[in-house]
C-alpha atoms as a PDB file:
ATOM      1  CA  MET A   1     -64.296  19.688 -42.574  1.00  0.00           C
ATOM      2  CA  ILE A   2     -64.030  17.181 -45.403  1.00  0.00           C
ATOM      3  CA  SER A   3     -64.928  18.219 -48.925  1.00  0.00           C
ATOM      4  CA  ALA A   4     -67.112  16.151 -51.249  1.00  0.00           C
ATOM      5  CA  ASP A   5     -68.179  16.602 -54.840  1.00  0.00           C
ATOM      6  CA  GLU A   6     -71.373  14.657 -54.130  1.00  0.00           C
ATOM      7  CA  LEU A   7     -72.873  13.723 -50.774  1.00  0.00           C
ATOM      8  CA  THR A   8     -75.919  11.474 -50.465  1.00  0.00           C
ATOM      9  CA  VAL A   9     -77.634  11.157 -47.099  1.00  0.00           C
ATOM     10  CA  VAL A  10     -80.038   8.272 -46.486  1.00  0.00           C
ATOM     11  CA  HIS A  11     -82.391   9.031 -43.606  1.00  0.00           C
ATOM     12  CA  HIS A  12     -84.031   6.564 -41.230  1.00  0.00           C
ATOM     13  CA  ASP A  13     -87.369   7.025 -42.968  1.00  0.00           C
ATOM     14  CA  ASP A  14     -85.681   5.936 -46.259  1.00  0.00           C
ATOM     15  CA  SER A  15     -85.833   9.428 -47.742  1.00  0.00           C
ATOM     16  CA  VAL A  16     -82.707  10.651 -49.512  1.00  0.00           C
ATOM     17  CA  SER A  17     -81.017  14.075 -49.579  1.00  0.00           C
ATOM     18  CA  ARG A  18     -78.380  14.856 -52.208  1.00  0.00           C
ATOM     19  CA  PHE A  19     -75.854  17.674 -52.128  1.00  0.00           C
ATOM     20  CA  THR A  20     -73.095  18.710 -54.505  1.00  0.00           C
ATOM     21  CA  ASP A  21     -69.877  20.587 -53.776  1.00  0.00           C
ATOM     22  CA  VAL A  22     -70.119  20.523 -49.965  1.00  0.00           C
ATOM     23  CA  ARG A  23     -67.881  20.403 -46.940  1.00  0.00           C
ATOM     24  CA  TYR A  24     -69.076  18.164 -44.106  1.00  0.00           C
ATOM     25  CA  THR A  25     -68.332  16.694 -40.696  1.00  0.00           C
ATOM     26  CA  LEU A  26     -69.903  13.464 -39.484  1.00  0.00           C
ATOM     27  CA  ASN A  27     -69.666  12.616 -35.807  1.00  0.00           C
ATOM     28  CA  ARG A  28     -71.816  11.220 -33.031  1.00  0.00           C
ATOM     29  CA  ASP A  29     -73.748  14.503 -32.822  1.00  0.00           C
ATOM     30  CA  GLY A  30     -74.864  14.113 -36.430  1.00  0.00           C
ATOM     31  CA  LEU A  31     -73.963  15.459 -39.825  1.00  0.00           C
ATOM     32  CA  TRP A  32     -72.967  19.100 -40.303  1.00  0.00           C
ATOM     33  CA  LEU A  33     -72.499  20.412 -43.817  1.00  0.00           C
ATOM     34  CA  VAL A  34     -71.844  23.677 -45.598  1.00  0.00           C
ATOM     35  CA  THR A  35     -72.814  24.056 -49.245  1.00  0.00           C
ATOM     36  CA  SER A  36     -70.757  25.979 -51.788  1.00  0.00           C
ATOM     37  CA  GLY A  37     -73.281  28.810 -51.397  1.00  0.00           C
ATOM     38  CA  GLY A  38     -72.543  29.064 -47.665  1.00  0.00           C
ATOM     39  CA  VAL A  39     -75.766  27.451 -46.463  1.00  0.00           C
ATOM     40  CA  GLU A  40     -75.254  25.421 -43.264  1.00  0.00           C
ATOM     41  CA  ARG A  41     -77.324  22.298 -42.575  1.00  0.00           C
ATOM     42  CA  HIS A  42     -77.453  19.948 -39.616  1.00  0.00           C
ATOM     43  CA  PHE A  43     -78.957  16.473 -39.459  1.00  0.00           C
ATOM     44  CA  GLY A  44     -79.125  14.932 -35.992  1.00  0.00           C
ATOM     45  CA  SER A  45     -77.532  11.540 -35.395  1.00  0.00           C
ATOM     46  CA  ASN A  46     -81.009  10.002 -35.064  1.00  0.00           C
ATOM     47  CA  GLU A  47     -81.892  11.242 -38.584  1.00  0.00           C
ATOM     48  CA  VAL A  48     -78.978   9.801 -40.581  1.00  0.00           C
ATOM     49  CA  LEU A  49     -78.931   6.120 -41.506  1.00  0.00           C
ATOM     50  CA  THR A  50     -75.919   6.247 -43.835  1.00  0.00           C
ATOM     51  CA  THR A  51     -73.952   8.586 -46.077  1.00  0.00           C
ATOM     52  CA  HIS A  52     -72.335   8.072 -49.468  1.00  0.00           C
ATOM     53  CA  VAL A  53     -69.555  10.395 -50.574  1.00  0.00           C
ATOM     54  CA  ARG A  54     -68.032  10.867 -53.998  1.00  0.00           C
ATOM     55  CA  ARG A  55     -64.885  12.833 -54.702  1.00  0.00           C
ATOM     56  CA  ARG A  56     -63.316  13.373 -58.071  1.00  0.00           C
ATOM     57  CA  ALA A  57     -59.683  12.440 -58.523  1.00  0.00           C
ATOM     58  CA  ALA A  58     -57.303  15.388 -58.352  1.00  0.00           C
END
């Protein structure tokens, strides 16, 4: 899984979900993410229009 400091998900209905400090995988099955608190979320491939990721420099 890839880590991100901020992850923004734009859905097909133009709604937006924002997450901070997550690990995620994006593939043809959709977006899978795990928050820093251990909560797992899945968005199907038909739900995600685009994603924007921000990572701080090391």
